[in-house]
């Protein structure tokens, strides 16, 4: 299990922490900052999911005119963790 801390860019949340298991599953997602209800919802929805499945579902989601979102930032964090694994 690999723990990742990712500093977000362009969102209300400031940081995302999560664990990536050896078999590519996502666990223990926690956002620091952001819209509490939405980030809790995203965290619970992706719990135990395969990282590639999470990427296919949330990559590219935008929040208004920001060009990114908390889910999109999570996808960037997952890509980075996979690249480092």
N, C-alpha and C. Protein backbone atom coordinates (compact mmCIF):
# COMPACT_ATOMS: atom_id res chain seq x y z
N UNK A 1 0.87 -1.17 0.00
CA UNK A 1 0.00 0.00 0.00
C UNK A 1 0.91 1.23 0.00
N UNK A 2 0.62 2.16 -0.90
CA UNK A 2 1.40 3.39 -1.02
C UNK A 2 0.51 4.57 -0.66
N UNK A 3 0.96 5.39 0.29
CA UNK A 3 0.22 6.59 0.66
C UNK A 3 0.70 7.76 -0.21
N UNK A 4 -0.25 8.54 -0.70
CA UNK A 4 0.07 9.70 -1.54
C UNK A 4 -0.56 10.95 -0.96
N UNK A 5 0.20 12.02 -0.96
CA UNK A 5 -0.30 13.35 -0.62
C UNK A 5 -0.06 14.22 -1.85
N UNK A 6 -1.12 14.86 -2.33
CA UNK A 6 -1.06 15.65 -3.56
C UNK A 6 -1.56 17.05 -3.28
N UNK A 7 -0.75 18.05 -3.61
CA UNK A 7 -1.17 19.45 -3.49
C UNK A 7 -1.95 19.84 -4.73
N UNK A 8 -3.20 20.21 -4.55
CA UNK A 8 -4.06 20.53 -5.69
C UNK A 8 -3.73 21.90 -6.26
N UNK A 9 -4.19 22.12 -7.49
CA UNK A 9 -3.99 23.39 -8.18
C UNK A 9 -5.31 23.81 -8.82
N UNK A 10 -5.74 25.05 -8.57
CA UNK A 10 -6.91 25.59 -9.23
C UNK A 10 -8.25 25.20 -8.63
N UNK A 11 -8.24 24.65 -7.41
CA UNK A 11 -9.50 24.25 -6.77
C UNK A 11 -9.58 24.81 -5.36
N UNK A 12 -10.76 24.73 -4.78
CA UNK A 12 -10.95 25.17 -3.39
C UNK A 12 -10.24 24.23 -2.43
N UNK A 13 -10.19 22.94 -2.77
CA UNK A 13 -9.44 22.02 -1.92
C UNK A 13 -7.95 22.31 -2.08
N UNK A 14 -7.19 22.09 -1.02
CA UNK A 14 -5.76 22.38 -1.04
C UNK A 14 -4.90 21.13 -1.18
N UNK A 15 -5.45 20.00 -0.75
CA UNK A 15 -4.65 18.78 -0.71
C UNK A 15 -5.56 17.57 -0.79
N UNK A 16 -5.02 16.49 -1.38
CA UNK A 16 -5.72 15.21 -1.41
C UNK A 16 -4.75 14.15 -0.90
N UNK A 17 -5.22 13.35 0.04
CA UNK A 17 -4.47 12.20 0.54
C UNK A 17 -5.24 10.94 0.19
N UNK A 18 -4.52 9.89 -0.19
CA UNK A 18 -5.17 8.62 -0.47
C UNK A 18 -4.12 7.51 -0.45
N UNK A 19 -4.62 6.28 -0.43
CA UNK A 19 -3.76 5.11 -0.49
C UNK A 19 -4.03 4.37 -1.79
N UNK A 20 -2.96 3.89 -2.40
CA UNK A 20 -3.04 3.08 -3.61
C UNK A 20 -2.50 1.70 -3.25
N UNK A 21 -3.36 0.69 -3.35
CA UNK A 21 -2.94 -0.67 -2.99
C UNK A 21 -2.06 -1.27 -4.06
N UNK A 22 -1.40 -2.34 -3.72
CA UNK A 22 -0.51 -3.02 -4.66
C UNK A 22 -1.26 -3.55 -5.89
N UNK A 23 -2.56 -3.82 -5.72
CA UNK A 23 -3.35 -4.30 -6.86
C UNK A 23 -4.11 -3.17 -7.58
N UNK A 24 -3.72 -1.91 -7.30
CA UNK A 24 -4.26 -0.77 -8.05
C UNK A 24 -5.61 -0.26 -7.60
N UNK A 25 -5.98 -0.49 -6.36
CA UNK A 25 -7.25 0.01 -5.82
C UNK A 25 -7.01 1.26 -4.99
N UNK A 26 -8.02 2.14 -4.95
CA UNK A 26 -7.95 3.41 -4.24
C UNK A 26 -8.68 3.29 -2.90
N UNK A 27 -8.02 3.76 -1.83
CA UNK A 27 -8.60 3.71 -0.49
C UNK A 27 -8.29 5.00 0.28
N UNK A 28 -9.12 5.28 1.27
CA UNK A 28 -8.87 6.34 2.25
C UNK A 28 -8.65 7.71 1.63
N UNK A 29 -9.47 8.07 0.65
CA UNK A 29 -9.35 9.39 0.03
C UNK A 29 -9.86 10.45 1.00
N UNK A 30 -9.04 11.49 1.20
CA UNK A 30 -9.42 12.59 2.07
C UNK A 30 -8.97 13.90 1.44
N UNK A 31 -9.91 14.80 1.25
CA UNK A 31 -9.62 16.13 0.72
C UNK A 31 -9.46 17.10 1.89
N UNK A 32 -8.52 18.02 1.77
CA UNK A 32 -8.38 19.11 2.73
C UNK A 32 -8.92 20.36 2.04
N UNK A 33 -9.96 20.93 2.62
CA UNK A 33 -10.61 22.08 2.01
C UNK A 33 -11.61 21.63 0.96
N UNK A 34 -12.16 22.57 0.25
CA UNK A 34 -13.15 22.26 -0.78
C UNK A 34 -14.55 22.18 -0.21
N UNK A 35 -15.48 21.83 -1.04
CA UNK A 35 -16.89 21.69 -0.63
C UNK A 35 -17.04 20.37 0.11
N UNK A 36 -17.21 20.45 1.40
CA UNK A 36 -17.17 19.28 2.27
C UNK A 36 -18.09 18.15 1.81
N UNK A 37 -19.31 18.46 1.49
CA UNK A 37 -20.25 17.41 1.07
C UNK A 37 -19.82 16.75 -0.23
N UNK A 38 -19.41 17.55 -1.19
CA UNK A 38 -18.99 17.01 -2.49
C UNK A 38 -17.72 16.16 -2.37
N UNK A 39 -16.74 16.65 -1.62
CA UNK A 39 -15.50 15.90 -1.51
C UNK A 39 -15.70 14.61 -0.72
N UNK A 40 -16.58 14.64 0.28
CA UNK A 40 -16.90 13.39 0.99
C UNK A 40 -17.58 12.41 0.05
N UNK A 41 -18.47 12.92 -0.79
CA UNK A 41 -19.17 12.06 -1.75
C UNK A 41 -18.21 11.41 -2.72
N UNK A 42 -17.30 12.19 -3.28
CA UNK A 42 -16.30 11.64 -4.21
C UNK A 42 -15.46 10.59 -3.49
N UNK A 43 -15.03 10.91 -2.28
CA UNK A 43 -14.19 9.99 -1.52
C UNK A 43 -14.89 8.64 -1.30
N UNK A 44 -16.14 8.69 -0.94
CA UNK A 44 -16.88 7.44 -0.68
C UNK A 44 -17.17 6.67 -1.97
N UNK A 45 -17.44 7.40 -3.04
CA UNK A 45 -17.75 6.73 -4.30
C UNK A 45 -16.57 5.97 -4.88
N UNK A 46 -15.36 6.49 -4.69
CA UNK A 46 -14.19 5.84 -5.29
C UNK A 46 -13.54 4.81 -4.37
N UNK A 47 -13.97 4.73 -3.12
CA UNK A 47 -13.39 3.79 -2.15
C UNK A 47 -13.41 2.35 -2.68
N UNK A 48 -12.24 1.75 -2.77
CA UNK A 48 -12.11 0.36 -3.21
C UNK A 48 -12.15 0.15 -4.71
N UNK A 49 -12.30 1.24 -5.48
CA UNK A 49 -12.37 1.11 -6.94
C UNK A 49 -10.97 0.95 -7.53
N UNK A 50 -10.93 0.33 -8.68
CA UNK A 50 -9.69 0.23 -9.44
C UNK A 50 -9.29 1.63 -9.92
N UNK A 51 -8.01 1.96 -9.77
CA UNK A 51 -7.52 3.29 -10.12
C UNK A 51 -7.84 3.65 -11.57
N UNK A 52 -7.69 2.72 -12.49
CA UNK A 52 -7.97 3.01 -13.90
C UNK A 52 -9.45 3.32 -14.13
N UNK A 53 -10.32 2.64 -13.39
CA UNK A 53 -11.76 2.91 -13.50
C UNK A 53 -12.07 4.31 -12.97
N UNK A 54 -11.45 4.68 -11.86
CA UNK A 54 -11.64 6.03 -11.31
C UNK A 54 -11.20 7.06 -12.34
N UNK A 55 -10.03 6.85 -12.95
CA UNK A 55 -9.54 7.79 -13.96
C UNK A 55 -10.52 7.94 -15.11
N UNK A 56 -11.07 6.84 -15.58
CA UNK A 56 -11.98 6.92 -16.72
C UNK A 56 -13.27 7.66 -16.38
N UNK A 57 -13.64 7.69 -15.11
CA UNK A 57 -14.88 8.34 -14.71
C UNK A 57 -14.74 9.81 -14.34
N UNK A 58 -13.60 10.21 -13.77
CA UNK A 58 -13.53 11.56 -13.21
C UNK A 58 -12.53 12.49 -13.90
N UNK A 59 -11.67 11.97 -14.73
CA UNK A 59 -10.68 12.80 -15.41
C UNK A 59 -11.37 13.81 -16.32
N UNK A 60 -10.97 15.07 -16.21
CA UNK A 60 -11.50 16.11 -17.10
C UNK A 60 -12.74 16.81 -16.61
N UNK A 61 -13.29 16.42 -15.46
CA UNK A 61 -14.46 17.12 -14.92
C UNK A 61 -14.05 18.54 -14.55
N UNK A 62 -14.88 19.51 -14.92
CA UNK A 62 -14.56 20.91 -14.64
C UNK A 62 -15.56 21.50 -13.65
N UNK A 63 -15.08 22.46 -12.87
CA UNK A 63 -15.90 23.20 -11.92
C UNK A 63 -15.96 24.64 -12.42
N UNK A 64 -17.06 25.03 -13.02
CA UNK A 64 -17.19 26.37 -13.55
C UNK A 64 -16.15 26.65 -14.62
N UNK A 65 -15.49 27.78 -14.52
CA UNK A 65 -14.50 28.18 -15.52
C UNK A 65 -13.07 27.89 -15.06
N UNK A 66 -12.91 27.12 -14.03
CA UNK A 66 -11.59 26.84 -13.45
C UNK A 66 -10.71 25.98 -14.36
N UNK A 67 -11.31 25.19 -15.21
CA UNK A 67 -10.53 24.29 -16.06
C UNK A 67 -10.16 23.00 -15.36
N UNK A 68 -10.61 22.83 -14.13
CA UNK A 68 -10.36 21.62 -13.35
C UNK A 68 -11.43 21.54 -12.27
N UNK A 69 -11.34 20.55 -11.41
CA UNK A 69 -12.27 20.37 -10.30
C UNK A 69 -11.59 19.47 -9.28
N UNK A 70 -12.23 19.30 -8.14
CA UNK A 70 -11.66 18.39 -7.14
C UNK A 70 -11.57 16.97 -7.69
N UNK A 71 -12.61 16.44 -8.35
CA UNK A 71 -12.47 15.10 -8.94
C UNK A 71 -11.34 15.05 -9.98
N UNK A 72 -11.23 16.07 -10.82
CA UNK A 72 -10.16 16.10 -11.82
C UNK A 72 -8.79 16.14 -11.15
N UNK A 73 -8.66 16.89 -10.06
CA UNK A 73 -7.40 16.93 -9.33
C UNK A 73 -7.08 15.56 -8.72
N UNK A 74 -8.11 14.84 -8.27
CA UNK A 74 -7.89 13.48 -7.78
C UNK A 74 -7.37 12.60 -8.91
N UNK A 75 -7.90 12.76 -10.11
CA UNK A 75 -7.41 11.95 -11.23
C UNK A 75 -5.94 12.26 -11.52
N UNK A 76 -5.54 13.52 -11.41
CA UNK A 76 -4.14 13.89 -11.61
C UNK A 76 -3.26 13.27 -10.52
N UNK A 77 -3.76 13.28 -9.30
CA UNK A 77 -3.02 12.68 -8.19
C UNK A 77 -2.85 11.18 -8.40
N UNK A 78 -3.90 10.51 -8.87
CA UNK A 78 -3.84 9.07 -9.13
C UNK A 78 -2.85 8.78 -10.25
N UNK A 79 -2.90 9.55 -11.32
CA UNK A 79 -1.93 9.35 -12.42
C UNK A 79 -0.50 9.48 -11.92
N UNK A 80 -0.26 10.48 -11.09
CA UNK A 80 1.07 10.68 -10.55
C UNK A 80 1.50 9.49 -9.69
N UNK A 81 0.58 9.01 -8.84
CA UNK A 81 0.90 7.87 -7.97
C UNK A 81 1.17 6.61 -8.79
N UNK A 82 0.40 6.40 -9.84
CA UNK A 82 0.61 5.23 -10.70
C UNK A 82 1.96 5.31 -11.41
N UNK A 83 2.34 6.50 -11.85
CA UNK A 83 3.60 6.69 -12.53
C UNK A 83 4.79 6.43 -11.61
N UNK A 84 4.59 6.73 -10.33
CA UNK A 84 5.66 6.54 -9.34
C UNK A 84 5.70 5.14 -8.77
N UNK A 85 4.67 4.35 -9.03
CA UNK A 85 4.59 2.99 -8.46
C UNK A 85 5.53 2.02 -9.15
